[in-house]
Full PDB file with SEQRES, HELIX, SHEET, SSBOND, CRYST1, ORIGX, SCALE, CONECT and MASTER records, all heavy atoms in Angstrom:
SEQRES   1 A   31  ILE ASN ASP ASP ASP LEU GLY ASN LEU VAL ASP TRP ALA          
SEQRES   2 A   31  TRP GLN ARG GLY VAL THR PRO ARG PHE ILE GLU LEU MET          
SEQRES   3 A   31  PRO LEU GLY GLU GLY                                          
HELIX    1 AA1 ASP A    3  ASP A    5  5                                   3    
HELIX    2 AA2 LEU A    6  ARG A   16  1                                  11    
CRYST1    1.000    1.000    1.000  90.00  90.00  90.00 P 1           1          
ORIGX1      1.000000  0.000000  0.000000        0.00000                         
ORIGX2      0.000000  1.000000  0.000000        0.00000                         
ORIGX3      0.000000  0.000000  1.000000        0.00000                         
SCALE1      1.000000  0.000000  0.000000        0.00000                         
SCALE2      0.000000  1.000000  0.000000        0.00000                         
SCALE3      0.000000  0.000000  1.000000        0.00000                         
ATOM      1  N   ILE A   1      -3.234 -15.623   7.429  1.00  0.00           N  
ATOM      2  CA  ILE A   1      -1.960 -15.275   8.060  1.00  0.00           C  
ATOM      3  C   ILE A   1      -1.509 -13.878   7.648  1.00  0.00           C  
ATOM      4  O   ILE A   1      -1.246 -13.034   8.492  1.00  0.00           O  
ATOM      5  CB  ILE A   1      -0.872 -16.326   7.752  1.00  0.00           C  
ATOM      6  CG1 ILE A   1      -1.286 -17.667   8.367  1.00  0.00           C  
ATOM      7  CG2 ILE A   1       0.492 -15.876   8.279  1.00  0.00           C  
ATOM      8  CD1 ILE A   1      -0.345 -18.811   8.080  1.00  0.00           C  
ATOM      9  N   ASN A   2      -1.419 -13.635   6.335  1.00  0.00           N  
ATOM     10  CA  ASN A   2      -1.005 -12.306   5.880  1.00  0.00           C  
ATOM     11  C   ASN A   2      -1.908 -11.748   4.779  1.00  0.00           C  
ATOM     12  O   ASN A   2      -1.614 -10.708   4.213  1.00  0.00           O  
ATOM     13  CB  ASN A   2       0.455 -12.318   5.402  1.00  0.00           C  
ATOM     14  CG  ASN A   2       0.647 -13.128   4.132  1.00  0.00           C  
ATOM     15  OD1 ASN A   2      -0.219 -13.894   3.715  1.00  0.00           O  
ATOM     16  ND2 ASN A   2       1.800 -12.959   3.519  1.00  0.00           N  
ATOM     17  N   ASP A   3      -2.998 -12.433   4.482  1.00  0.00           N  
ATOM     18  CA  ASP A   3      -3.860 -11.996   3.389  1.00  0.00           C  
ATOM     19  C   ASP A   3      -4.504 -10.646   3.634  1.00  0.00           C  
ATOM     20  O   ASP A   3      -4.866  -9.945   2.693  1.00  0.00           O  
ATOM     21  CB  ASP A   3      -4.922 -13.051   3.061  1.00  0.00           C  
ATOM     22  CG  ASP A   3      -5.762 -13.472   4.249  1.00  0.00           C  
ATOM     23  OD1 ASP A   3      -5.320 -13.296   5.403  1.00  0.00           O  
ATOM     24  OD2 ASP A   3      -6.862 -13.992   4.022  1.00  0.00           O  
ATOM     25  N   ASP A   4      -4.593 -10.229   4.887  1.00  0.00           N  
ATOM     26  CA  ASP A   4      -5.157  -8.915   5.201  1.00  0.00           C  
ATOM     27  C   ASP A   4      -4.130  -7.794   5.051  1.00  0.00           C  
ATOM     28  O   ASP A   4      -4.462  -6.625   5.191  1.00  0.00           O  
ATOM     29  CB  ASP A   4      -5.734  -8.911   6.617  1.00  0.00           C  
ATOM     30  CG  ASP A   4      -4.688  -9.193   7.679  1.00  0.00           C  
ATOM     31  OD1 ASP A   4      -3.635  -9.794   7.357  1.00  0.00           O  
ATOM     32  OD2 ASP A   4      -4.911  -8.830   8.846  1.00  0.00           O  
ATOM     33  N   ASP A   5      -2.893  -8.131   4.746  1.00  0.00           N  
ATOM     34  CA  ASP A   5      -1.823  -7.138   4.668  1.00  0.00           C  
ATOM     35  C   ASP A   5      -1.282  -6.954   3.246  1.00  0.00           C  
ATOM     36  O   ASP A   5      -0.335  -6.198   3.039  1.00  0.00           O  
ATOM     37  CB  ASP A   5      -0.683  -7.554   5.612  1.00  0.00           C  
ATOM     38  CG  ASP A   5       0.182  -6.394   6.051  1.00  0.00           C  
ATOM     39  OD1 ASP A   5      -0.319  -5.245   6.079  1.00  0.00           O  
ATOM     40  OD2 ASP A   5       1.363  -6.617   6.356  1.00  0.00           O  
ATOM     41  N   LEU A   6      -1.861  -7.632   2.260  1.00  0.00           N  
ATOM     42  CA  LEU A   6      -1.346  -7.560   0.895  1.00  0.00           C  
ATOM     43  C   LEU A   6      -1.412  -6.141   0.337  1.00  0.00           C  
ATOM     44  O   LEU A   6      -0.462  -5.671  -0.300  1.00  0.00           O  
ATOM     45  CB  LEU A   6      -2.101  -8.527  -0.016  1.00  0.00           C  
ATOM     46  CG  LEU A   6      -2.109 -10.006   0.406  1.00  0.00           C  
ATOM     47  CD1 LEU A   6      -2.842 -10.852  -0.621  1.00  0.00           C  
ATOM     48  CD2 LEU A   6      -0.707 -10.519   0.646  1.00  0.00           C  
ATOM     49  N   GLY A   7      -2.490  -5.443   0.576  1.00  0.00           N  
ATOM     50  CA  GLY A   7      -2.627  -4.068   0.104  1.00  0.00           C  
ATOM     51  C   GLY A   7      -1.599  -3.145   0.734  1.00  0.00           C  
ATOM     52  O   GLY A   7      -1.028  -2.282   0.059  1.00  0.00           O  
ATOM     53  N   ASN A   8      -1.349  -3.328   2.022  1.00  0.00           N  
ATOM     54  CA  ASN A   8      -0.326  -2.515   2.696  1.00  0.00           C  
ATOM     55  C   ASN A   8       1.047  -2.754   2.089  1.00  0.00           C  
ATOM     56  O   ASN A   8       1.835  -1.817   1.944  1.00  0.00           O  
ATOM     57  CB  ASN A   8      -0.282  -2.829   4.191  1.00  0.00           C  
ATOM     58  CG  ASN A   8      -1.521  -2.381   4.923  1.00  0.00           C  
ATOM     59  OD1 ASN A   8      -2.179  -1.432   4.517  1.00  0.00           O  
ATOM     60  ND2 ASN A   8      -1.861  -3.075   5.987  1.00  0.00           N  
ATOM     61  N   LEU A   9       1.347  -4.003   1.750  1.00  0.00           N  
ATOM     62  CA  LEU A   9       2.636  -4.321   1.117  1.00  0.00           C  
ATOM     63  C   LEU A   9       2.774  -3.603  -0.222  1.00  0.00           C  
ATOM     64  O   LEU A   9       3.833  -3.036  -0.528  1.00  0.00           O  
ATOM     65  CB  LEU A   9       2.778  -5.828   0.911  1.00  0.00           C  
ATOM     66  CG  LEU A   9       3.276  -6.638   2.091  1.00  0.00           C  
ATOM     67  CD1 LEU A   9       3.106  -8.125   1.816  1.00  0.00           C  
ATOM     68  CD2 LEU A   9       4.722  -6.312   2.396  1.00  0.00           C  
ATOM     69  N   VAL A  10       1.723  -3.636  -1.024  1.00  0.00           N  
ATOM     70  CA  VAL A  10       1.746  -2.969  -2.324  1.00  0.00           C  
ATOM     71  C   VAL A  10       1.958  -1.467  -2.147  1.00  0.00           C  
ATOM     72  O   VAL A  10       2.815  -0.856  -2.796  1.00  0.00           O  
ATOM     73  CB  VAL A  10       0.449  -3.260  -3.113  1.00  0.00           C  
ATOM     74  CG1 VAL A  10       0.312  -2.329  -4.309  1.00  0.00           C  
ATOM     75  CG2 VAL A  10       0.420  -4.705  -3.564  1.00  0.00           C  
ATOM     76  N   ASP A  11       1.187  -0.860  -1.259  1.00  0.00           N  
ATOM     77  CA  ASP A  11       1.311   0.592  -1.039  1.00  0.00           C  
ATOM     78  C   ASP A  11       2.716   0.946  -0.569  1.00  0.00           C  
ATOM     79  O   ASP A  11       3.330   1.888  -1.076  1.00  0.00           O  
ATOM     80  CB  ASP A  11       0.280   1.061  -0.009  1.00  0.00           C  
ATOM     81  CG  ASP A  11      -1.155   0.907  -0.486  1.00  0.00           C  
ATOM     82  OD1 ASP A  11      -1.375   0.758  -1.715  1.00  0.00           O  
ATOM     83  OD2 ASP A  11      -2.055   0.912   0.371  1.00  0.00           O  
ATOM     84  N   TRP A  12       3.222   0.204   0.408  1.00  0.00           N  
ATOM     85  CA  TRP A  12       4.572   0.467   0.944  1.00  0.00           C  
ATOM     86  C   TRP A  12       5.611   0.346  -0.166  1.00  0.00           C  
ATOM     87  O   TRP A  12       6.483   1.216  -0.309  1.00  0.00           O  
ATOM     88  CB  TRP A  12       4.862  -0.521   2.083  1.00  0.00           C  
ATOM     89  CG  TRP A  12       6.197  -0.341   2.702  1.00  0.00           C  
ATOM     90  CD1 TRP A  12       6.503   0.459   3.773  1.00  0.00           C  
ATOM     91  CD2 TRP A  12       7.424  -0.964   2.299  1.00  0.00           C  
ATOM     92  NE1 TRP A  12       7.852   0.372   4.039  1.00  0.00           N  
ATOM     93  CE2 TRP A  12       8.433  -0.491   3.153  1.00  0.00           C  
ATOM     94  CE3 TRP A  12       7.761  -1.863   1.299  1.00  0.00           C  
ATOM     95  CZ2 TRP A  12       9.766  -0.892   3.045  1.00  0.00           C  
ATOM     96  CZ3 TRP A  12       9.083  -2.267   1.178  1.00  0.00           C  
ATOM     97  CH2 TRP A  12      10.068  -1.787   2.038  1.00  0.00           C  
ATOM     98  N   ALA A  13       5.529  -0.708  -0.940  1.00  0.00           N  
ATOM     99  CA  ALA A  13       6.519  -0.938  -1.994  1.00  0.00           C  
ATOM    100  C   ALA A  13       6.451   0.149  -3.063  1.00  0.00           C  
ATOM    101  O   ALA A  13       7.486   0.738  -3.425  1.00  0.00           O  
ATOM    102  CB  ALA A  13       6.295  -2.318  -2.617  1.00  0.00           C  
ATOM    103  N   TRP A  14       5.278   0.428  -3.571  1.00  0.00           N  
ATOM    104  CA  TRP A  14       5.147   1.401  -4.652  1.00  0.00           C  
ATOM    105  C   TRP A  14       5.577   2.803  -4.210  1.00  0.00           C  
ATOM    106  O   TRP A  14       6.116   3.562  -5.007  1.00  0.00           O  
ATOM    107  CB  TRP A  14       3.737   1.411  -5.206  1.00  0.00           C  
ATOM    108  CG  TRP A  14       3.456   0.229  -6.101  1.00  0.00           C  
ATOM    109  CD1 TRP A  14       4.373  -0.633  -6.642  1.00  0.00           C  
ATOM    110  CD2 TRP A  14       2.196  -0.217  -6.552  1.00  0.00           C  
ATOM    111  NE1 TRP A  14       3.746  -1.590  -7.398  1.00  0.00           N  
ATOM    112  CE2 TRP A  14       2.406  -1.357  -7.365  1.00  0.00           C  
ATOM    113  CE3 TRP A  14       0.894   0.233  -6.353  1.00  0.00           C  
ATOM    114  CZ2 TRP A  14       1.370  -2.044  -7.983  1.00  0.00           C  
ATOM    115  CZ3 TRP A  14      -0.141  -0.455  -6.968  1.00  0.00           C  
ATOM    116  CH2 TRP A  14       0.092  -1.579  -7.780  1.00  0.00           C  
ATOM    117  N   GLN A  15       5.347   3.140  -2.945  1.00  0.00           N  
ATOM    118  CA  GLN A  15       5.790   4.443  -2.441  1.00  0.00           C  
ATOM    119  C   GLN A  15       7.305   4.588  -2.491  1.00  0.00           C  
ATOM    120  O   GLN A  15       7.823   5.698  -2.524  1.00  0.00           O  
ATOM    121  CB  GLN A  15       5.299   4.656  -1.005  1.00  0.00           C  
ATOM    122  CG  GLN A  15       3.823   4.899  -0.895  1.00  0.00           C  
ATOM    123  CD  GLN A  15       3.330   4.815   0.536  1.00  0.00           C  
ATOM    124  OE1 GLN A  15       4.099   4.617   1.482  1.00  0.00           O  
ATOM    125  NE2 GLN A  15       2.023   4.957   0.715  1.00  0.00           N  
ATOM    126  N   ARG A  16       8.014   3.467  -2.517  1.00  0.00           N  
ATOM    127  CA  ARG A  16       9.477   3.477  -2.495  1.00  0.00           C  
ATOM    128  C   ARG A  16      10.111   3.101  -3.836  1.00  0.00           C  
ATOM    129  O   ARG A  16      11.322   3.017  -3.941  1.00  0.00           O  
ATOM    130  CB  ARG A  16       9.958   2.517  -1.407  1.00  0.00           C  
ATOM    131  CG  ARG A  16       9.691   3.066  -0.029  1.00  0.00           C  
ATOM    132  CD  ARG A  16       9.659   1.992   1.040  1.00  0.00           C  
ATOM    133  NE  ARG A  16       9.418   2.600   2.334  1.00  0.00           N  
ATOM    134  CZ  ARG A  16       8.226   3.003   2.778  1.00  0.00           C  
ATOM    135  NH1 ARG A  16       7.152   2.851   2.013  1.00  0.00           N  
ATOM    136  NH2 ARG A  16       8.095   3.553   3.958  1.00  0.00           N  
ATOM    137  N   GLY A  17       9.289   2.819  -4.835  1.00  0.00           N  
ATOM    138  CA  GLY A  17       9.817   2.396  -6.124  1.00  0.00           C  
ATOM    139  C   GLY A  17      10.268   0.944  -6.125  1.00  0.00           C  
ATOM    140  O   GLY A  17      11.093   0.539  -6.942  1.00  0.00           O  
ATOM    141  N   VAL A  18       9.706   0.155  -5.228  1.00  0.00           N  
ATOM    142  CA  VAL A  18      10.004  -1.269  -5.104  1.00  0.00           C  
ATOM    143  C   VAL A  18       8.877  -2.042  -5.776  1.00  0.00           C  
ATOM    144  O   VAL A  18       7.706  -1.653  -5.682  1.00  0.00           O  
ATOM    145  CB  VAL A  18      10.130  -1.662  -3.606  1.00  0.00           C  
ATOM    146  CG1 VAL A  18      10.205  -3.154  -3.413  1.00  0.00           C  
ATOM    147  CG2 VAL A  18      11.332  -0.959  -2.969  1.00  0.00           C  
ATOM    148  N   THR A  19       9.216  -3.129  -6.449  1.00  0.00           N  
ATOM    149  CA  THR A  19       8.207  -3.971  -7.099  1.00  0.00           C  
ATOM    150  C   THR A  19       7.758  -5.067  -6.136  1.00  0.00           C  
ATOM    151  O   THR A  19       8.575  -5.883  -5.712  1.00  0.00           O  
ATOM    152  CB  THR A  19       8.791  -4.631  -8.369  1.00  0.00           C  
ATOM    153  OG1 THR A  19       9.219  -3.606  -9.261  1.00  0.00           O  
ATOM    154  CG2 THR A  19       7.755  -5.524  -9.045  1.00  0.00           C  
ATOM    155  N   PRO A  20       6.462  -5.096  -5.781  1.00  0.00           N  
ATOM    156  CA  PRO A  20       5.964  -6.196  -4.943  1.00  0.00           C  
ATOM    157  C   PRO A  20       5.587  -7.385  -5.819  1.00  0.00           C  
ATOM    158  O   PRO A  20       5.014  -7.219  -6.892  1.00  0.00           O  
ATOM    159  CB  PRO A  20       4.727  -5.593  -4.286  1.00  0.00           C  
ATOM    160  CG  PRO A  20       4.222  -4.596  -5.288  1.00  0.00           C  
ATOM    161  CD  PRO A  20       5.450  -4.066  -6.012  1.00  0.00           C  
ATOM    162  N   ARG A  21       5.932  -8.574  -5.350  1.00  0.00           N  
ATOM    163  CA  ARG A  21       5.568  -9.802  -6.068  1.00  0.00           C  
ATOM    164  C   ARG A  21       4.910 -10.750  -5.076  1.00  0.00           C  
ATOM    165  O   ARG A  21       5.423 -10.965  -3.983  1.00  0.00           O  
ATOM    166  CB  ARG A  21       6.799 -10.466  -6.679  1.00  0.00           C  
ATOM    167  CG  ARG A  21       7.458  -9.588  -7.694  1.00  0.00           C  
ATOM    168  CD  ARG A  21       8.541 -10.234  -8.493  1.00  0.00           C  
ATOM    169  NE  ARG A  21       9.358 -11.200  -7.780  1.00  0.00           N  
ATOM    170  CZ  ARG A  21      10.146 -12.071  -8.367  1.00  0.00           C  
ATOM    171  NH1 ARG A  21      10.222 -12.121  -9.678  1.00  0.00           N  
ATOM    172  NH2 ARG A  21      10.888 -12.881  -7.680  1.00  0.00           N  
ATOM    173  N   PHE A  22       3.781 -11.311  -5.481  1.00  0.00           N  
ATOM    174  CA  PHE A  22       3.081 -12.269  -4.641  1.00  0.00           C  
ATOM    175  C   PHE A  22       3.246 -13.652  -5.228  1.00  0.00           C  
ATOM    176  O   PHE A  22       3.080 -13.855  -6.421  1.00  0.00           O  
ATOM    177  CB  PHE A  22       1.610 -11.887  -4.497  1.00  0.00           C  
ATOM    178  CG  PHE A  22       1.446 -10.590  -3.769  1.00  0.00           C  
ATOM    179  CD1 PHE A  22       1.201  -9.422  -4.460  1.00  0.00           C  
ATOM    180  CD2 PHE A  22       1.608 -10.531  -2.399  1.00  0.00           C  
ATOM    181  CE1 PHE A  22       1.097  -8.212  -3.805  1.00  0.00           C  
ATOM    182  CE2 PHE A  22       1.499  -9.327  -1.731  1.00  0.00           C  
ATOM    183  CZ  PHE A  22       1.244  -8.165  -2.430  1.00  0.00           C  
ATOM    184  N   ILE A  23       3.583 -14.569  -4.372  1.00  0.00           N  
ATOM    185  CA  ILE A  23       3.887 -15.937  -4.770  1.00  0.00           C  
ATOM    186  C   ILE A  23       2.842 -16.848  -4.152  1.00  0.00           C  
ATOM    187  O   ILE A  23       2.536 -16.745  -2.958  1.00  0.00           O  
ATOM    188  CB  ILE A  23       5.298 -16.324  -4.277  1.00  0.00           C  
ATOM    189  CG1 ILE A  23       6.323 -15.355  -4.883  1.00  0.00           C  
ATOM    190  CG2 ILE A  23       5.615 -17.771  -4.613  1.00  0.00           C  
ATOM    191  CD1 ILE A  23       7.683 -15.432  -4.237  1.00  0.00           C  
ATOM    192  N   GLU A  24       2.298 -17.732  -4.968  1.00  0.00           N  
ATOM    193  CA  GLU A  24       1.334 -18.704  -4.442  1.00  0.00           C  
ATOM    194  C   GLU A  24       2.069 -19.750  -3.614  1.00  0.00           C  
ATOM    195  O   GLU A  24       3.178 -20.161  -3.956  1.00  0.00           O  
ATOM    196  CB  GLU A  24       0.587 -19.386  -5.587  1.00  0.00           C  
ATOM    197  CG  GLU A  24      -0.359 -18.460  -6.315  1.00  0.00           C  
ATOM    198  CD  GLU A  24      -1.182 -19.185  -7.354  1.00  0.00           C  
ATOM    199  OE1 GLU A  24      -1.864 -20.176  -7.000  1.00  0.00           O  
ATOM    200  OE2 GLU A  24      -1.126 -18.778  -8.523  1.00  0.00           O  
ATOM    201  N   LEU A  25       1.435 -20.179  -2.544  1.00  0.00           N  
ATOM    202  CA  LEU A  25       1.985 -21.218  -1.679  1.00  0.00           C  
ATOM    203  C   LEU A  25       2.175 -22.513  -2.463  1.00  0.00           C  
ATOM    204  O   LEU A  25       1.258 -22.972  -3.140  1.00  0.00           O  
ATOM    205  CB  LEU A  25       1.035 -21.467  -0.501  1.00  0.00           C  
ATOM    206  CG  LEU A  25       1.438 -22.540   0.492  1.00  0.00           C  
ATOM    207  CD1 LEU A  25       2.698 -22.117   1.250  1.00  0.00           C  
ATOM    208  CD2 LEU A  25       0.294 -22.791   1.474  1.00  0.00           C  
ATOM    209  N   MET A  26       3.368 -23.052  -2.383  1.00  0.00           N  
ATOM    210  CA  MET A  26       3.673 -24.316  -3.055  1.00  0.00           C  
ATOM    211  C   MET A  26       3.467 -25.458  -2.055  1.00  0.00           C  
ATOM    212  O   MET A  26       3.938 -25.358  -0.915  1.00  0.00           O  
ATOM    213  CB  MET A  26       5.113 -24.328  -3.554  1.00  0.00           C  
ATOM    214  CG  MET A  26       5.423 -23.250  -4.574  1.00  0.00           C  
ATOM    215  SD  MET A  26       4.666 -23.555  -6.150  1.00  0.00           S  
ATOM    216  CE  MET A  26       5.637 -24.923  -6.714  1.00  0.00           C  
ATOM    217  N   PRO A  27       2.799 -26.528  -2.452  1.00  0.00           N  
ATOM    218  CA  PRO A  27       2.538 -27.633  -1.529  1.00  0.00           C  
ATOM    219  C   PRO A  27       3.756 -28.560  -1.371  1.00  0.00           C  
ATOM    220  O   PRO A  27       3.657 -29.768  -1.496  1.00  0.00           O  
ATOM    221  CB  PRO A  27       1.354 -28.348  -2.181  1.00  0.00           C  
ATOM    222  CG  PRO A  27       1.561 -28.110  -3.639  1.00  0.00           C  
ATOM    223  CD  PRO A  27       2.163 -26.729  -3.745  1.00  0.00           C  
ATOM    224  N   LEU A  28       4.908 -27.964  -1.097  1.00  0.00           N  
ATOM    225  CA  LEU A  28       6.159 -28.709  -0.916  1.00  0.00           C  
ATOM    226  C   LEU A  28       6.811 -28.273   0.385  1.00  0.00           C  
ATOM    227  O   LEU A  28       6.682 -27.129   0.796  1.00  0.00           O  
ATOM    228  CB  LEU A  28       7.135 -28.406  -2.071  1.00  0.00           C  
ATOM    229  CG  LEU A  28       6.612 -28.594  -3.485  1.00  0.00           C  
ATOM    230  CD1 LEU A  28       7.566 -27.966  -4.485  1.00  0.00           C  
ATOM    231  CD2 LEU A  28       6.429 -30.060  -3.777  1.00  0.00           C  
ATOM    232  N   GLY A  29       7.539 -29.148   1.014  1.00  0.00           N  
ATOM    233  CA  GLY A  29       8.290 -28.802   2.226  1.00  0.00           C  
ATOM    234  C   GLY A  29       7.427 -28.137   3.271  1.00  0.00           C  
ATOM    235  O   GLY A  29       6.366 -28.640   3.649  1.00  0.00           O  
ATOM    236  N   GLU A  30       7.871 -26.941   3.727  1.00  0.00           N  
ATOM    237  CA  GLU A  30       7.136 -26.201   4.755  1.00  0.00           C  
ATOM    238  C   GLU A  30       5.747 -25.789   4.256  1.00  0.00           C  
ATOM    239  O   GLU A  30       4.807 -25.719   5.038  1.00  0.00           O  
ATOM    240  CB  GLU A  30       7.926 -24.965   5.191  1.00  0.00           C  
ATOM    241  CG  GLU A  30       9.209 -25.280   5.937  1.00  0.00           C  
ATOM    242  CD  GLU A  30       8.972 -26.024   7.230  1.00  0.00           C  
ATOM    243  OE1 GLU A  30       8.064 -25.627   8.002  1.00  0.00           O  
ATOM    244  OE2 GLU A  30       9.682 -27.008   7.479  1.00  0.00           O  
ATOM    245  N   GLY A  31       5.620 -25.508   2.964  1.00  0.00           N  
ATOM    246  CA  GLY A  31       4.330 -25.141   2.393  1.00  0.00           C  
ATOM    247  C   GLY A  31       3.301 -26.244   2.515  1.00  0.00           C  
ATOM    248  O   GLY A  31       2.125 -25.992   2.752  1.00  0.00           O  
TER     249      GLY A  31                                                      
MASTER        0    0    0    2    0    0    0    6  248    1    0    3          
END                                                                             
């Protein structure tokens, strides 16, 4: 779904001084 975009997220965030955080899918509710 978005695994091909993780690097783009990191680059975008770091260019702006934003901290990117990746969260593992939790097998609860919608997950």
